[in-house]
Protein backbone atom coordinates (compact mmCIF):
# COMPACT_ATOMS: atom_id res chain seq x y z
CA MET A 1 -26.95 -61.66 -43.89
CA GLN A 2 -26.62 -62.41 -47.83
CA ALA A 3 -28.89 -63.10 -50.41
CA ILE A 4 -29.34 -64.41 -54.04
CA ILE A 5 -31.72 -62.67 -56.13
CA LEU A 6 -33.05 -64.96 -59.09
CA ALA A 7 -33.17 -62.82 -62.09
CA GLY A 8 -32.96 -65.32 -65.23
CA GLY A 9 -36.44 -63.78 -66.40
CA LYS A 10 -36.89 -62.98 -70.35
CA GLY A 11 -40.11 -62.09 -69.28
CA GLU A 12 -42.56 -62.87 -72.51
CA ARG A 13 -45.27 -61.34 -70.86
CA LEU A 14 -44.42 -58.06 -70.48
CA ARG A 15 -42.53 -57.99 -74.31
CA PRO A 16 -41.50 -54.66 -75.96
CA PHE A 17 -40.29 -53.64 -72.48
CA THR A 18 -38.05 -57.01 -72.06
CA GLU A 19 -36.34 -56.92 -75.52
CA ASP A 20 -33.41 -55.58 -75.18
CA ARG A 21 -33.04 -56.23 -71.45
CA PRO A 22 -34.40 -59.09 -68.58
CA LYS A 23 -37.27 -58.78 -66.82
CA CYS A 24 -35.56 -57.81 -63.83
CA MET A 25 -34.33 -54.29 -65.33
CA VAL A 26 -38.07 -53.30 -66.36
CA GLU A 27 -38.08 -49.84 -64.94
CA ILE A 28 -41.23 -48.47 -62.47
CA LEU A 29 -40.87 -44.90 -62.51
CA GLY A 30 -37.34 -45.05 -63.96
CA VAL A 31 -35.89 -47.60 -61.27
CA PRO A 32 -35.09 -51.24 -62.48
CA LEU A 33 -37.56 -53.77 -60.30
CA LEU A 34 -33.64 -55.21 -59.63
CA GLY A 35 -33.32 -52.30 -58.23
CA TYR A 36 -35.79 -51.74 -56.01
CA GLN A 37 -34.76 -55.03 -54.22
CA LEU A 38 -31.31 -53.95 -53.76
CA GLN A 39 -32.37 -50.98 -51.74
CA TRP A 40 -34.72 -53.04 -49.86
CA LEU A 41 -32.23 -56.04 -48.63
CA SER A 42 -29.32 -53.74 -48.20
CA SER A 43 -32.27 -51.11 -46.01
CA GLN A 44 -32.10 -53.56 -43.60
CA GLY A 45 -28.57 -55.41 -43.48
CA VAL A 46 -27.92 -57.67 -46.25
CA THR A 47 -24.48 -56.69 -46.85
CA ASP A 48 -23.51 -59.24 -49.99
CA VAL A 49 -25.66 -60.18 -52.85
CA ILE A 50 -25.85 -63.01 -55.93
CA ILE A 51 -27.59 -61.76 -58.78
CA SER A 52 -28.29 -65.22 -60.70
CA CYS A 53 -28.82 -64.25 -64.60
CA GLY A 54 -28.86 -65.68 -67.94
CA TYR A 55 -30.37 -63.57 -70.82
CA ARG A 56 -28.83 -60.77 -71.49
CA HIS A 57 -26.82 -61.12 -67.69
CA GLU A 58 -24.65 -57.66 -69.57
CA VAL A 59 -27.46 -55.60 -69.16
CA ILE A 60 -27.67 -56.32 -65.46
CA GLN A 61 -23.74 -56.75 -65.16
CA ASN A 62 -23.73 -52.72 -66.89
CA PHE A 63 -25.74 -51.42 -64.50
CA PHE A 64 -25.57 -52.19 -61.17
CA GLY A 65 -21.68 -52.99 -61.16
CA SER A 66 -19.82 -54.05 -58.00
CA GLY A 67 -23.37 -52.68 -56.72
CA GLU A 68 -21.55 -49.81 -54.29
CA LYS A 69 -24.64 -47.29 -55.76
CA TRP A 70 -26.58 -50.15 -53.87
CA SER A 71 -24.57 -50.00 -50.18
CA VAL A 72 -24.31 -53.73 -50.93
CA SER A 73 -21.61 -55.82 -52.64
CA LEU A 74 -22.85 -58.20 -55.64
CA GLN A 75 -21.57 -60.86 -57.77
CA TYR A 76 -23.38 -62.32 -60.77
CA SER A 77 -23.67 -66.49 -61.26
CA VAL A 78 -24.10 -66.08 -64.48
CA GLU A 79 -26.05 -69.34 -66.47
CA SER A 80 -24.52 -70.88 -69.56
CA GLN A 81 -27.43 -72.83 -70.03
CA PRO A 82 -30.87 -72.07 -68.77
CA LEU A 83 -31.02 -74.82 -65.24
CA GLY A 84 -34.59 -73.53 -64.53
CA ARG A 85 -34.95 -71.19 -60.85
CA GLY A 86 -33.74 -74.93 -58.58
CA GLY A 87 -30.81 -75.29 -60.81
CA ALA A 88 -29.77 -71.17 -60.64
CA LEU A 89 -29.56 -71.34 -56.68
CA ARG A 90 -27.86 -74.36 -56.76
CA LEU A 91 -24.85 -73.14 -58.83
CA ALA A 92 -25.44 -69.61 -56.61
CA PHE A 93 -24.86 -71.26 -53.47
CA GLY A 94 -21.93 -72.28 -54.68
CA LEU A 95 -20.77 -68.47 -54.47
CA LEU A 96 -21.74 -67.95 -50.60
CA ALA A 97 -19.30 -66.78 -48.54
CA PRO A 98 -19.18 -69.29 -45.36
CA GLY A 99 -20.01 -68.46 -41.83
CA GLU A 100 -23.62 -67.45 -42.54
CA ASP A 101 -26.51 -70.83 -41.46
CA VAL A 102 -29.10 -69.01 -43.92
CA CYS A 103 -29.65 -67.20 -46.70
CA LEU A 104 -32.42 -65.37 -48.17
CA ALA A 105 -33.69 -66.05 -51.79
CA THR A 106 -36.02 -64.15 -53.46
CA ASN A 107 -37.51 -63.98 -57.23
CA GLY A 108 -36.42 -61.07 -58.90
CA ASP A 109 -39.86 -59.99 -60.74
CA VAL A 110 -40.64 -58.14 -56.84
CA VAL A 111 -41.13 -55.68 -54.83
CA THR A 112 -42.11 -55.40 -51.46
CA ASN A 113 -41.31 -54.13 -47.97
CA VAL A 114 -41.22 -57.50 -46.00
CA ARG A 115 -38.87 -57.58 -42.27
CA LEU A 116 -36.26 -59.48 -42.69
CA LYS A 117 -35.36 -59.73 -39.02
CA PRO A 118 -38.34 -61.21 -37.85
CA LEU A 119 -38.60 -63.51 -41.07
CA VAL A 120 -35.30 -64.52 -40.43
CA GLN A 121 -36.27 -65.33 -36.67
CA ALA A 122 -38.92 -67.15 -37.15
CA HIS A 123 -36.80 -69.78 -39.94
CA ARG A 124 -35.08 -70.63 -36.91
CA GLN A 125 -37.51 -70.99 -34.76
CA LEU A 126 -39.52 -73.05 -37.01
CA GLY A 127 -36.28 -75.13 -37.13
CA CYS A 128 -37.22 -75.60 -41.48
CA LEU A 129 -34.83 -76.03 -44.28
CA ALA A 130 -36.42 -73.63 -45.70
CA THR A 131 -39.50 -71.71 -44.80
CA VAL A 132 -41.97 -69.27 -47.98
CA VAL A 133 -43.27 -66.10 -47.60
CA LEU A 134 -46.66 -65.93 -48.28
CA ALA A 135 -48.50 -63.23 -48.81
CA PRO A 136 -53.13 -63.31 -49.08
CA PHE A 137 -54.49 -63.53 -52.18
CA ILE A 138 -56.47 -61.03 -53.41
CA SER A 139 -59.07 -61.85 -56.21
CA PRO A 140 -58.56 -60.49 -59.25
CA TYR A 141 -62.18 -59.73 -60.24
CA GLY A 142 -65.08 -58.42 -57.97
CA ILE A 143 -67.25 -60.63 -55.99
CA VAL A 144 -70.59 -61.11 -55.51
CA GLU A 145 -72.59 -62.29 -52.79
CA VAL A 146 -75.64 -63.88 -53.13
CA ASP A 147 -78.04 -64.81 -50.77
CA PRO A 148 -79.70 -68.29 -49.89
CA GLU A 149 -82.81 -67.00 -51.64
CA ASP A 150 -80.33 -65.93 -54.89
CA HIS A 151 -80.84 -62.24 -54.22
CA ILE A 152 -77.82 -60.09 -54.45
CA ILE A 153 -77.03 -58.60 -51.75
CA ALA A 154 -73.78 -56.51 -51.67
CA PHE A 155 -70.63 -56.18 -54.11
CA HIS A 156 -67.20 -57.02 -53.05
CA GLU A 157 -64.06 -55.22 -55.60
CA LYS A 158 -61.12 -57.03 -55.51
CA PRO A 159 -61.29 -58.55 -51.71
CA GLU A 160 -58.59 -61.24 -49.96
CA LEU A 161 -59.43 -64.30 -50.31
CA PRO A 162 -58.82 -66.95 -47.75
CA TYR A 163 -56.09 -68.33 -48.91
CA TRP A 164 -52.15 -68.28 -48.40
CA MET A 165 -50.39 -67.41 -51.85
CA ASN A 166 -45.87 -68.29 -52.33
CA ALA A 167 -44.63 -64.58 -52.64
CA GLY A 168 -41.64 -65.91 -54.12
CA ILE A 169 -39.19 -65.10 -51.04
CA TYR A 170 -37.86 -67.62 -49.05
CA VAL A 171 -34.82 -68.04 -46.04
CA LEU A 172 -32.79 -71.40 -47.03
CA SER A 173 -31.28 -73.19 -44.59
CA ARG A 174 -26.96 -73.52 -45.80
CA GLU A 175 -27.86 -77.21 -46.06
CA MET A 176 -30.30 -76.72 -49.02
CA GLU A 177 -27.54 -76.55 -51.96
CA LEU A 178 -27.65 -80.59 -51.88
CA MET A 179 -31.36 -80.81 -51.99
CA LEU A 180 -31.49 -78.74 -54.83
CA PRO A 181 -31.73 -79.85 -58.58
CA GLU A 182 -29.57 -79.53 -60.94
CA GLN A 183 -31.66 -78.51 -63.52
CA GLY A 184 -35.37 -77.63 -62.99
CA ASP A 185 -37.75 -75.49 -60.19
CA HIS A 186 -37.17 -76.39 -56.67
CA GLU A 187 -40.71 -75.68 -56.63
CA ASP A 188 -41.75 -78.42 -58.48
CA SER A 189 -39.18 -81.12 -56.65
CA THR A 190 -37.46 -79.49 -53.67
CA PHE A 191 -40.55 -78.12 -52.12
CA PRO A 192 -42.46 -80.60 -52.23
CA ASN A 193 -40.39 -82.93 -51.17
CA LEU A 194 -39.55 -80.95 -47.85
CA ALA A 195 -43.23 -80.57 -47.87
CA GLN A 196 -44.23 -83.91 -47.10
CA GLU A 197 -41.20 -84.58 -44.67
CA ARG A 198 -42.38 -81.59 -42.38
CA ARG A 199 -39.15 -79.20 -43.15
CA LEU A 200 -40.47 -76.72 -45.12
CA GLY A 201 -42.05 -73.63 -42.97
CA ALA A 202 -44.39 -70.80 -43.63
CA TYR A 203 -44.32 -67.04 -43.19
CA LYS A 204 -47.29 -65.08 -43.76
CA SER A 205 -47.03 -61.62 -44.19
CA ARG A 206 -49.58 -58.63 -44.69
CA SER A 207 -46.55 -56.41 -46.06
CA TYR A 208 -46.46 -54.70 -49.14
CA TRP A 209 -45.98 -57.19 -52.55
CA ARG A 210 -46.49 -57.48 -55.85
CA SER A 211 -44.77 -59.35 -58.45
CA VAL A 212 -44.90 -57.63 -61.76
CA ASP A 213 -45.51 -60.45 -64.54
CA THR A 214 -47.46 -58.16 -66.83
CA VAL A 215 -48.11 -54.53 -69.32
CA LYS A 216 -50.59 -54.35 -66.64
CA ASP A 217 -48.38 -55.11 -63.51
CA ILE A 218 -46.41 -52.19 -64.18
CA SER A 219 -49.04 -49.57 -64.48
CA GLU A 220 -51.00 -50.57 -61.45
CA VAL A 221 -47.10 -50.95 -59.32
CA SER A 222 -46.33 -47.22 -61.24
CA LYS A 223 -49.69 -46.36 -59.10
CA GLU A 224 -49.10 -47.72 -55.92
CA LEU A 225 -45.63 -46.90 -55.34
CA GLU A 226 -46.56 -43.10 -56.26
CA LYS A 227 -49.13 -43.30 -53.63
CA ARG A 228 -46.63 -44.70 -51.05
CA LEU A 229 -43.90 -41.99 -51.58
CA MET A 230 -47.21 -39.35 -51.70
CA THR A 231 -48.26 -40.99 -48.41
CA SER A 232 -45.01 -41.24 -47.25
CA PHE A 233 -43.76 -36.82 -48.15
CA LEU A 234 -47.28 -35.73 -46.79
CA ALA A 235 -46.82 -37.52 -43.33
């Protein structure tokens, strides 16, 4: 199994943490976001990873090297100029080894433990060209429940809402390469076109998933991972 990690983000909302490094190299409990991703991938059988990078790419390459420490083989797809996520994916596709009919792709700012084997199986069963992992939409605010007479009857702190959001994790069939834009975002072009043709699959998952976009996210994910580590230790 091969994977592409989109790691070209500057992370402007994470400054000052990204003054000297790309977004994927921001640390959570002393480990870069990209380190969590490589550990997640390698633990589930992914052996070859292409890191798609641009901004401060040398920081990534100097830290991870060939990937031996992380039990994967790493290649780097370096953008000479910003191509957008879709263009970056298309460029990275050129480094995929022949043989596999699908590859995994993920945004470089995601921390998750989504199981990959059932995800890939679902993709093949759907028969779509791409499958998008969806995560439940959790309200960032507390919700107030009101009865028909306008009496407040309950408060719900950050509940799960009846919607699903794009988790930034995909399974892509190899035929996708020429459908990706040379420049731009695949979620603005390729994915909407596939959705109209009913060739874009959905995989709903309630596995742990967080995207790190702001300084507040760093603090919250740190606390969540500490809690999970302690729970695992005490189990």
